[in-house]
Amino acid sequence: AGVGFEQAAKKIGVSRRTSDFIKRSDPIADLGSEPEINRVAFDLSEGQPLAADPVQTAKGYCVLRFAGQKEPAMEGFEAERSQIKERLLQQKQLKIWESWMSQLRNSSQIERKKDFSRI
């Protein structure tokens, strides 16, 4: 069988760090705010405790492991409700805008003139 994580990490000179529970929008201690880390972290579960691949960050790579899940407090949700609604609205608006621009590009005929300054 293979070696354990601690032994393998020690062999290559890296250390294991554990974060506290985080929210989707929170930065992770020592890693900062990296959307890819949060995406991968929140896809993990008891059934899939390890990410398929290490995640590349601005500081290198990290290996993520599911350690547990805690139900969010409702009072915290109520306090952030308007921010969550605003973020979801912005995401929907961006998706609609990108779809509309894509349709315009696909239905348009674009012609490039060699010397546009003489027109």
N, C-alpha and C. Protein backbone atom coordinates (compact mmCIF):
# COMPACT_ATOMS: atom_id res chain seq x y z
N ALA A 1 0.84 -1.19 0.00
CA ALA A 1 0.00 0.00 0.00
C ALA A 1 0.88 1.24 0.00
N GLY A 2 0.26 2.38 -0.25
CA GLY A 2 0.98 3.65 -0.31
C GLY A 2 1.28 4.19 1.07
N VAL A 3 2.02 5.27 1.09
CA VAL A 3 2.35 5.92 2.36
C VAL A 3 1.22 6.87 2.75
N GLY A 4 1.14 7.20 4.03
CA GLY A 4 0.12 8.12 4.51
C GLY A 4 0.40 9.55 4.09
N PHE A 5 -0.61 10.38 4.17
CA PHE A 5 -0.48 11.78 3.75
C PHE A 5 0.61 12.51 4.53
N GLU A 6 0.60 12.35 5.85
CA GLU A 6 1.58 13.04 6.70
C GLU A 6 3.01 12.67 6.30
N GLN A 7 3.24 11.38 6.06
CA GLN A 7 4.57 10.90 5.70
C GLN A 7 4.97 11.43 4.32
N ALA A 8 4.05 11.39 3.37
CA ALA A 8 4.34 11.89 2.02
C ALA A 8 4.60 13.39 2.05
N ALA A 9 3.82 14.14 2.82
CA ALA A 9 4.00 15.58 2.91
C ALA A 9 5.36 15.92 3.52
N LYS A 10 5.73 15.20 4.57
CA LYS A 10 7.01 15.44 5.24
C LYS A 10 8.16 15.18 4.28
N LYS A 11 8.02 14.14 3.47
CA LYS A 11 9.07 13.75 2.53
C LYS A 11 9.35 14.85 1.51
N ILE A 12 8.32 15.57 1.08
CA ILE A 12 8.53 16.64 0.09
C ILE A 12 8.59 18.03 0.72
N GLY A 13 8.55 18.09 2.04
CA GLY A 13 8.75 19.36 2.73
C GLY A 13 7.54 20.28 2.80
N VAL A 14 6.36 19.73 2.81
CA VAL A 14 5.15 20.55 2.97
C VAL A 14 4.44 20.14 4.25
N SER A 15 3.59 21.04 4.73
CA SER A 15 2.88 20.73 5.97
C SER A 15 1.38 20.72 5.73
N ARG A 16 0.69 20.06 6.62
CA ARG A 16 -0.77 19.98 6.56
C ARG A 16 -1.34 21.10 7.41
N ARG A 17 -2.31 21.81 6.86
CA ARG A 17 -2.99 22.86 7.60
C ARG A 17 -4.48 22.60 7.50
N THR A 18 -5.18 22.92 8.57
CA THR A 18 -6.62 22.74 8.61
C THR A 18 -7.28 24.08 8.86
N SER A 19 -8.36 24.35 8.14
CA SER A 19 -9.08 25.61 8.35
C SER A 19 -10.28 25.38 9.25
N ASP A 20 -10.81 26.46 9.77
CA ASP A 20 -12.07 26.40 10.49
C ASP A 20 -13.17 26.21 9.46
N PHE A 21 -14.41 26.03 9.92
CA PHE A 21 -15.53 25.98 9.00
C PHE A 21 -15.60 27.31 8.25
N ILE A 22 -15.95 27.24 6.97
CA ILE A 22 -16.03 28.45 6.15
C ILE A 22 -17.38 28.51 5.45
N LYS A 23 -17.73 29.73 5.03
CA LYS A 23 -18.89 29.93 4.17
C LYS A 23 -18.37 30.03 2.74
N ARG A 24 -19.26 29.87 1.78
CA ARG A 24 -18.84 29.92 0.38
C ARG A 24 -18.12 31.22 0.03
N SER A 25 -18.50 32.30 0.65
CA SER A 25 -17.93 33.60 0.31
C SER A 25 -16.70 33.95 1.15
N ASP A 26 -16.34 33.11 2.12
CA ASP A 26 -15.22 33.41 3.01
C ASP A 26 -13.88 33.06 2.37
N PRO A 27 -12.86 33.87 2.64
CA PRO A 27 -11.51 33.45 2.27
C PRO A 27 -11.08 32.34 3.23
N ILE A 28 -10.17 31.50 2.79
CA ILE A 28 -9.67 30.41 3.62
C ILE A 28 -8.31 30.83 4.18
N ALA A 29 -8.12 30.61 5.47
CA ALA A 29 -6.86 31.00 6.12
C ALA A 29 -5.67 30.45 5.35
N ASP A 30 -4.66 31.26 5.16
CA ASP A 30 -3.41 30.93 4.46
C ASP A 30 -3.57 30.76 2.95
N LEU A 31 -4.80 30.68 2.45
CA LEU A 31 -5.00 30.51 1.01
C LEU A 31 -5.63 31.73 0.37
N GLY A 32 -6.34 32.52 1.15
CA GLY A 32 -6.98 33.71 0.62
C GLY A 32 -8.31 33.38 -0.02
N SER A 33 -8.71 34.25 -0.92
CA SER A 33 -10.00 34.12 -1.58
C SER A 33 -9.78 33.64 -3.01
N GLU A 34 -9.87 32.37 -3.21
CA GLU A 34 -9.68 31.78 -4.54
C GLU A 34 -10.94 31.02 -4.90
N PRO A 35 -11.69 31.50 -5.89
CA PRO A 35 -12.96 30.87 -6.25
C PRO A 35 -12.85 29.37 -6.55
N GLU A 36 -11.77 28.95 -7.17
CA GLU A 36 -11.62 27.53 -7.52
C GLU A 36 -11.50 26.67 -6.26
N ILE A 37 -10.80 27.16 -5.25
CA ILE A 37 -10.68 26.41 -4.00
C ILE A 37 -12.04 26.26 -3.36
N ASN A 38 -12.80 27.35 -3.28
CA ASN A 38 -14.13 27.28 -2.67
C ASN A 38 -15.05 26.35 -3.46
N ARG A 39 -14.97 26.41 -4.79
CA ARG A 39 -15.82 25.55 -5.62
C ARG A 39 -15.51 24.08 -5.33
N VAL A 40 -14.24 23.73 -5.34
CA VAL A 40 -13.84 22.34 -5.09
C VAL A 40 -14.18 21.94 -3.66
N ALA A 41 -13.91 22.81 -2.70
CA ALA A 41 -14.17 22.49 -1.29
C ALA A 41 -15.64 22.19 -1.06
N PHE A 42 -16.53 22.98 -1.67
CA PHE A 42 -17.96 22.78 -1.43
C PHE A 42 -18.56 21.66 -2.27
N ASP A 43 -17.77 21.08 -3.17
CA ASP A 43 -18.22 19.88 -3.89
C ASP A 43 -17.87 18.60 -3.12
N LEU A 44 -17.00 18.71 -2.11
CA LEU A 44 -16.60 17.54 -1.33
C LEU A 44 -17.69 17.15 -0.34
N SER A 45 -17.68 15.88 0.06
CA SER A 45 -18.69 15.38 1.00
C SER A 45 -18.13 14.14 1.70
N GLU A 46 -18.92 13.57 2.60
CA GLU A 46 -18.48 12.32 3.25
C GLU A 46 -18.30 11.22 2.21
N GLY A 47 -19.15 11.21 1.19
CA GLY A 47 -19.04 10.22 0.13
C GLY A 47 -17.86 10.45 -0.79
N GLN A 48 -17.45 11.68 -0.94
CA GLN A 48 -16.29 12.05 -1.76
C GLN A 48 -15.42 13.00 -0.94
N PRO A 49 -14.60 12.46 -0.03
CA PRO A 49 -13.85 13.31 0.89
C PRO A 49 -12.60 13.97 0.30
N LEU A 50 -12.11 13.49 -0.84
CA LEU A 50 -10.92 14.08 -1.45
C LEU A 50 -11.23 14.60 -2.84
N ALA A 51 -10.60 15.73 -3.17
CA ALA A 51 -10.73 16.27 -4.52
C ALA A 51 -9.99 15.35 -5.49
N ALA A 52 -10.45 15.29 -6.72
CA ALA A 52 -9.83 14.42 -7.71
C ALA A 52 -8.38 14.82 -7.99
N ASP A 53 -8.11 16.12 -7.97
CA ASP A 53 -6.78 16.63 -8.27
C ASP A 53 -6.42 17.74 -7.30
N PRO A 54 -5.12 18.00 -7.11
CA PRO A 54 -4.73 19.18 -6.33
C PRO A 54 -5.24 20.44 -7.03
N VAL A 55 -5.49 21.48 -6.27
CA VAL A 55 -6.00 22.73 -6.82
C VAL A 55 -4.85 23.73 -6.91
N GLN A 56 -4.66 24.30 -8.10
CA GLN A 56 -3.60 25.30 -8.26
C GLN A 56 -4.09 26.64 -7.73
N THR A 57 -3.23 27.31 -6.97
CA THR A 57 -3.54 28.62 -6.42
C THR A 57 -2.42 29.58 -6.79
N ALA A 58 -2.57 30.83 -6.40
CA ALA A 58 -1.52 31.82 -6.65
C ALA A 58 -0.24 31.47 -5.87
N LYS A 59 -0.39 30.70 -4.80
CA LYS A 59 0.75 30.36 -3.95
C LYS A 59 1.29 28.95 -4.21
N GLY A 60 0.73 28.23 -5.13
CA GLY A 60 1.16 26.86 -5.41
C GLY A 60 -0.03 25.94 -5.58
N TYR A 61 0.03 24.79 -4.97
CA TYR A 61 -1.04 23.80 -5.06
C TYR A 61 -1.53 23.45 -3.66
N CYS A 62 -2.78 23.01 -3.57
CA CYS A 62 -3.28 22.50 -2.30
C CYS A 62 -4.14 21.27 -2.56
N VAL A 63 -4.12 20.38 -1.58
CA VAL A 63 -4.94 19.17 -1.62
C VAL A 63 -6.05 19.38 -0.60
N LEU A 64 -7.28 19.23 -1.03
CA LEU A 64 -8.42 19.47 -0.15
C LEU A 64 -9.04 18.16 0.30
N ARG A 65 -9.44 18.12 1.58
CA ARG A 65 -10.09 16.94 2.14
C ARG A 65 -11.28 17.40 2.96
N PHE A 66 -12.40 16.72 2.78
CA PHE A 66 -13.62 17.02 3.53
C PHE A 66 -13.42 16.61 4.99
N ALA A 67 -13.67 17.54 5.91
CA ALA A 67 -13.49 17.25 7.33
C ALA A 67 -14.81 17.28 8.08
N GLY A 68 -15.83 17.84 7.50
CA GLY A 68 -17.11 17.92 8.17
C GLY A 68 -17.95 19.04 7.61
N GLN A 69 -19.20 19.03 8.01
CA GLN A 69 -20.14 20.05 7.54
C GLN A 69 -20.98 20.49 8.72
N LYS A 70 -21.25 21.77 8.78
CA LYS A 70 -22.03 22.33 9.87
C LYS A 70 -23.18 23.12 9.26
N GLU A 71 -24.37 22.90 9.76
CA GLU A 71 -25.53 23.64 9.25
C GLU A 71 -25.37 25.12 9.60
N PRO A 72 -25.65 26.00 8.66
CA PRO A 72 -25.51 27.43 8.94
C PRO A 72 -26.57 27.91 9.92
N ALA A 73 -26.21 28.90 10.72
CA ALA A 73 -27.15 29.49 11.67
C ALA A 73 -28.13 30.38 10.90
N MET A 74 -29.40 30.27 11.20
CA MET A 74 -30.42 31.06 10.49
C MET A 74 -30.23 32.56 10.71
N GLU A 75 -29.80 32.98 11.91
CA GLU A 75 -29.61 34.41 12.12
C GLU A 75 -28.49 34.96 11.24
N GLY A 76 -27.48 34.15 10.98
CA GLY A 76 -26.43 34.56 10.06
C GLY A 76 -26.95 34.67 8.65
N PHE A 77 -27.82 33.74 8.26
CA PHE A 77 -28.41 33.79 6.93
C PHE A 77 -29.26 35.04 6.76
N GLU A 78 -30.08 35.34 7.75
CA GLU A 78 -30.93 36.52 7.67
C GLU A 78 -30.10 37.78 7.51
N ALA A 79 -28.97 37.84 8.20
CA ALA A 79 -28.11 39.02 8.12
C ALA A 79 -27.49 39.16 6.73
N GLU A 80 -27.25 38.05 6.05
CA GLU A 80 -26.60 38.09 4.74
C GLU A 80 -27.58 37.92 3.58
N ARG A 81 -28.83 37.79 3.87
CA ARG A 81 -29.84 37.52 2.85
C ARG A 81 -29.79 38.52 1.69
N SER A 82 -29.74 39.81 2.00
CA SER A 82 -29.75 40.81 0.93
C SER A 82 -28.49 40.72 0.08
N GLN A 83 -27.34 40.43 0.69
CA GLN A 83 -26.11 40.28 -0.08
C GLN A 83 -26.19 39.06 -1.00
N ILE A 84 -26.75 37.99 -0.49
CA ILE A 84 -26.90 36.77 -1.29
C ILE A 84 -27.84 37.02 -2.47
N LYS A 85 -28.97 37.70 -2.21
CA LYS A 85 -29.92 38.00 -3.28
C LYS A 85 -29.27 38.89 -4.34
N GLU A 86 -28.51 39.88 -3.91
CA GLU A 86 -27.83 40.78 -4.85
C GLU A 86 -26.82 40.02 -5.69
N ARG A 87 -26.04 39.14 -5.07
CA ARG A 87 -25.04 38.37 -5.81
C ARG A 87 -25.71 37.44 -6.82
N LEU A 88 -26.81 36.78 -6.42
CA LEU A 88 -27.53 35.90 -7.35
C LEU A 88 -28.12 36.69 -8.51
N LEU A 89 -28.66 37.88 -8.21
CA LEU A 89 -29.21 38.73 -9.27
C LEU A 89 -28.12 39.13 -10.25
N GLN A 90 -26.95 39.51 -9.75
CA GLN A 90 -25.84 39.89 -10.62
C GLN A 90 -25.41 38.71 -11.49
N GLN A 91 -25.38 37.50 -10.92
CA GLN A 91 -25.01 36.32 -11.70
C GLN A 91 -26.02 36.07 -12.82
N LYS A 92 -27.30 36.21 -12.51
CA LYS A 92 -28.34 36.02 -13.54
C LYS A 92 -28.23 37.07 -14.62
N GLN A 93 -28.01 38.34 -14.23
CA GLN A 93 -27.88 39.41 -15.20
C GLN A 93 -26.70 39.17 -16.12
N LEU A 94 -25.58 38.74 -15.56
CA LEU A 94 -24.39 38.47 -16.36
C LEU A 94 -24.65 37.33 -17.34
N LYS A 95 -25.32 36.28 -16.88
CA LYS A 95 -25.63 35.14 -17.75
C LYS A 95 -26.53 35.57 -18.91
N ILE A 96 -27.54 36.38 -18.61
CA ILE A 96 -28.45 36.87 -19.66
C ILE A 96 -27.69 37.76 -20.63
N TRP A 97 -26.85 38.66 -20.12
CA TRP A 97 -26.06 39.56 -20.96
C TRP A 97 -25.15 38.75 -21.89
N GLU A 98 -24.45 37.76 -21.35
CA GLU A 98 -23.55 36.94 -22.16
C GLU A 98 -24.32 36.16 -23.22
N SER A 99 -25.49 35.67 -22.89
CA SER A 99 -26.31 34.95 -23.85
C SER A 99 -26.77 35.88 -24.96
N TRP A 100 -27.19 37.07 -24.60
CA TRP A 100 -27.65 38.06 -25.59
C TRP A 100 -26.51 38.45 -26.52
N MET A 101 -25.32 38.71 -25.94
CA MET A 101 -24.17 39.08 -26.76
C MET A 101 -23.78 37.93 -27.70
N SER A 102 -23.86 36.72 -27.22
CA SER A 102 -23.54 35.56 -28.05
C SER A 102 -24.51 35.45 -29.22
N GLN A 103 -25.80 35.66 -28.95
CA GLN A 103 -26.80 35.63 -30.02
C GLN A 103 -26.55 36.73 -31.04
N LEU A 104 -26.19 37.93 -30.57
CA LEU A 104 -25.89 39.02 -31.48
C LEU A 104 -24.69 38.68 -32.37
N ARG A 105 -23.65 38.13 -31.76
CA ARG A 105 -22.45 37.78 -32.54
C ARG A 105 -22.77 36.71 -33.58
N ASN A 106 -23.56 35.72 -33.18
CA ASN A 106 -23.88 34.62 -34.09
C ASN A 106 -24.79 35.05 -35.24
N SER A 107 -25.62 36.06 -35.00
CA SER A 107 -26.55 36.49 -36.05
C SER A 107 -26.03 37.70 -36.83
N SER A 108 -24.85 38.19 -36.51
CA SER A 108 -24.30 39.37 -37.17
C SER A 108 -23.30 38.97 -38.23
N GLN A 109 -23.17 39.87 -39.19
CA GLN A 109 -22.14 39.69 -40.19
C GLN A 109 -21.13 40.82 -39.97
N ILE A 110 -19.94 40.45 -39.62
CA ILE A 110 -18.91 41.44 -39.31
C ILE A 110 -17.94 41.50 -40.47
N GLU A 111 -17.71 42.73 -40.93
CA GLU A 111 -16.83 42.96 -42.05
C GLU A 111 -15.69 43.85 -41.59
N ARG A 112 -14.48 43.48 -41.87
CA ARG A 112 -13.33 44.30 -41.49
C ARG A 112 -12.81 45.03 -42.72
N LYS A 113 -12.66 46.32 -42.58
CA LYS A 113 -12.10 47.14 -43.65
C LYS A 113 -10.61 47.31 -43.39
N LYS A 114 -9.83 47.23 -44.46
CA LYS A 114 -8.39 47.35 -44.28
C LYS A 114 -7.99 48.73 -43.79
N ASP A 115 -8.48 49.76 -44.43
CA ASP A 115 -8.07 51.11 -44.05
C ASP A 115 -9.30 51.89 -43.63
N PHE A 116 -9.73 51.66 -42.44
CA PHE A 116 -10.95 52.26 -41.91
C PHE A 116 -10.81 53.77 -41.74
N SER A 117 -9.59 54.29 -41.58
CA SER A 117 -9.38 55.72 -41.32
C SER A 117 -9.72 56.59 -42.53
N ARG A 118 -9.78 56.06 -43.73
CA ARG A 118 -10.07 56.85 -44.93
C ARG A 118 -11.56 57.00 -45.18
N ILE A 119 -12.40 56.31 -44.47
CA ILE A 119 -13.84 56.37 -44.70
C ILE A 119 -14.42 57.57 -44.03
